[in-house]
Amino acid sequence: MAAEGQVISCHTVDSWEQQFRLAKESKKLVVVDFTASWCGPCRFIAPVLADLAKKLPNLIVLKVDVDELKTVAEG
């Protein structure tokens, strides 16, 4: 798992499954940011989520690009 206070980007299905499992096992609040490079509101919220991840030690933010991991996004 990435260092505490960071947004964790998942670029493969295996990475997503591993990070999501670890996040659930941590018993922390998990936020999944389903995003896309072409999405204006997604780009707007990204720094807010990064700031929350830094400020809240009991929060894990996972980031999934819906175009890169369509099967996860559709899941």
C-alpha atoms as a PDB file:
ATOM      1  CA  MET A   1       0.000   0.000   0.000  1.00  0.00           C
ATOM      2  CA  ALA A   2       1.154   3.546  -0.656  1.00  0.00           C
ATOM      3  CA  ALA A   3       2.360   5.793   2.107  1.00  0.00           C
ATOM      4  CA  GLU A   4      -0.264   7.238   4.403  1.00  0.00           C
ATOM      5  CA  GLY A   5      -1.721  10.512   3.212  1.00  0.00           C
ATOM      6  CA  GLN A   6      -1.483   9.800  -0.509  1.00  0.00           C
ATOM      7  CA  VAL A   7      -4.017   9.099  -3.218  1.00  0.00           C
ATOM      8  CA  ILE A   8      -3.372   5.573  -4.499  1.00  0.00           C
ATOM      9  CA  SER A   9      -3.705   5.250  -8.276  1.00  0.00           C
ATOM     10  CA  CYS A  10      -4.656   1.828  -9.592  1.00  0.00           C
ATOM     11  CA  HIS A  11      -3.505   1.176 -13.163  1.00  0.00           C
ATOM     12  CA  THR A  12      -4.224  -2.551 -13.475  1.00  0.00           C
ATOM     13  CA  VAL A  13      -7.051  -4.807 -12.351  1.00  0.00           C
ATOM     14  CA  ASP A  14      -4.589  -6.695 -10.140  1.00  0.00           C
ATOM     15  CA  SER A  15      -3.439  -3.455  -8.545  1.00  0.00           C
ATOM     16  CA  TRP A  16      -7.054  -2.393  -7.951  1.00  0.00           C
ATOM     17  CA  GLU A  17      -7.965  -5.722  -6.367  1.00  0.00           C
ATOM     18  CA  GLN A  18      -4.896  -5.691  -4.116  1.00  0.00           C
ATOM     19  CA  GLN A  19      -5.258  -2.058  -3.035  1.00  0.00           C
ATOM     20  CA  PHE A  20      -9.009  -2.387  -2.446  1.00  0.00           C
ATOM     21  CA  ARG A  21      -8.505  -5.548  -0.372  1.00  0.00           C
ATOM     22  CA  LEU A  22      -5.766  -3.891   1.703  1.00  0.00           C
ATOM     23  CA  ALA A  23      -7.894  -0.788   2.167  1.00  0.00           C
ATOM     24  CA  LYS A  24     -10.877  -2.821   3.374  1.00  0.00           C
ATOM     25  CA  GLU A  25      -8.665  -4.793   5.756  1.00  0.00           C
ATOM     26  CA  SER A  26      -7.326  -1.542   7.218  1.00  0.00           C
ATOM     27  CA  LYS A  27     -10.780  -0.715   8.651  1.00  0.00           C
ATOM     28  CA  LYS A  28     -10.294   2.877   7.477  1.00  0.00           C
ATOM     29  CA  LEU A  29     -12.806   4.887   5.482  1.00  0.00           C
ATOM     30  CA  VAL A  30     -12.242   4.161   1.791  1.00  0.00           C
ATOM     31  CA  VAL A  31     -13.092   6.647  -0.964  1.00  0.00           C
ATOM     32  CA  VAL A  32     -12.810   5.502  -4.565  1.00  0.00           C
ATOM     33  CA  ASP A  33     -12.353   8.304  -7.081  1.00  0.00           C
ATOM     34  CA  PHE A  34     -13.567   7.046 -10.453  1.00  0.00           C
ATOM     35  CA  THR A  35     -12.070   9.615 -12.802  1.00  0.00           C
ATOM     36  CA  ALA A  36     -11.247  10.356 -16.440  1.00  0.00           C
ATOM     37  CA  SER A  37      -8.660  12.634 -18.021  1.00  0.00           C
ATOM     38  CA  TRP A  38     -11.338  14.343 -20.135  1.00  0.00           C
ATOM     39  CA  CYS A  39     -13.643  15.017 -17.150  1.00  0.00           C
ATOM     40  CA  GLY A  40     -13.514  18.636 -15.950  1.00  0.00           C
ATOM     41  CA  PRO A  41     -15.213  18.028 -12.572  1.00  0.00           C
ATOM     42  CA  CYS A  42     -12.849  15.078 -11.977  1.00  0.00           C
ATOM     43  CA  ARG A  43      -9.835  17.354 -12.421  1.00  0.00           C
ATOM     44  CA  PHE A  44     -11.466  19.882 -10.094  1.00  0.00           C
ATOM     45  CA  ILE A  45     -12.050  17.398  -7.247  1.00  0.00           C
ATOM     46  CA  ALA A  46      -8.642  15.649  -7.486  1.00  0.00           C
ATOM     47  CA  PRO A  47      -6.689  18.212  -5.405  1.00  0.00           C
ATOM     48  CA  VAL A  48      -9.484  18.255  -2.809  1.00  0.00           C
ATOM     49  CA  LEU A  49      -9.260  14.482  -2.401  1.00  0.00           C
ATOM     50  CA  ALA A  50      -5.457  14.668  -2.226  1.00  0.00           C
ATOM     51  CA  ASP A  51      -5.722  17.301   0.507  1.00  0.00           C
ATOM     52  CA  LEU A  52      -8.213  15.193   2.465  1.00  0.00           C
ATOM     53  CA  ALA A  53      -5.942  12.152   2.170  1.00  0.00           C
ATOM     54  CA  LYS A  54      -3.097  14.192   3.689  1.00  0.00           C
ATOM     55  CA  LYS A  55      -5.195  15.651   6.499  1.00  0.00           C
ATOM     56  CA  LEU A  56      -7.201  12.582   7.529  1.00  0.00           C
ATOM     57  CA  PRO A  57      -5.106   9.606   8.644  1.00  0.00           C
ATOM     58  CA  ASN A  58      -8.167   7.327   8.778  1.00  0.00           C
ATOM     59  CA  LEU A  59      -8.995   7.930   5.108  1.00  0.00           C
ATOM     60  CA  ILE A  60      -7.751   5.961   2.108  1.00  0.00           C
ATOM     61  CA  VAL A  61      -8.361   7.388  -1.371  1.00  0.00           C
ATOM     62  CA  LEU A  62      -8.093   5.023  -4.331  1.00  0.00           C
ATOM     63  CA  LYS A  63      -8.087   6.498  -7.844  1.00  0.00           C
ATOM     64  CA  VAL A  64      -9.345   4.584 -10.885  1.00  0.00           C
ATOM     65  CA  ASP A  65      -9.332   5.971 -14.440  1.00  0.00           C
ATOM     66  CA  VAL A  66     -12.569   4.711 -16.008  1.00  0.00           C
ATOM     67  CA  ASP A  67     -11.022   4.614 -19.478  1.00  0.00           C
ATOM     68  CA  GLU A  68      -7.976   2.681 -18.293  1.00  0.00           C
ATOM     69  CA  LEU A  69      -9.871   0.173 -16.126  1.00  0.00           C
ATOM     70  CA  LYS A  70     -13.291  -0.136 -17.751  1.00  0.00           C
ATOM     71  CA  THR A  71     -13.978  -3.523 -16.186  1.00  0.00           C
ATOM     72  CA  VAL A  72     -13.441  -2.105 -12.697  1.00  0.00           C
ATOM     73  CA  ALA A  73     -15.587   0.945 -13.419  1.00  0.00           C
ATOM     74  CA  GLU A  74     -18.394  -1.212 -14.793  1.00  0.00           C
ATOM     75  CA  GLY A  75     -18.017  -3.764 -11.977  1.00  0.00           C
END
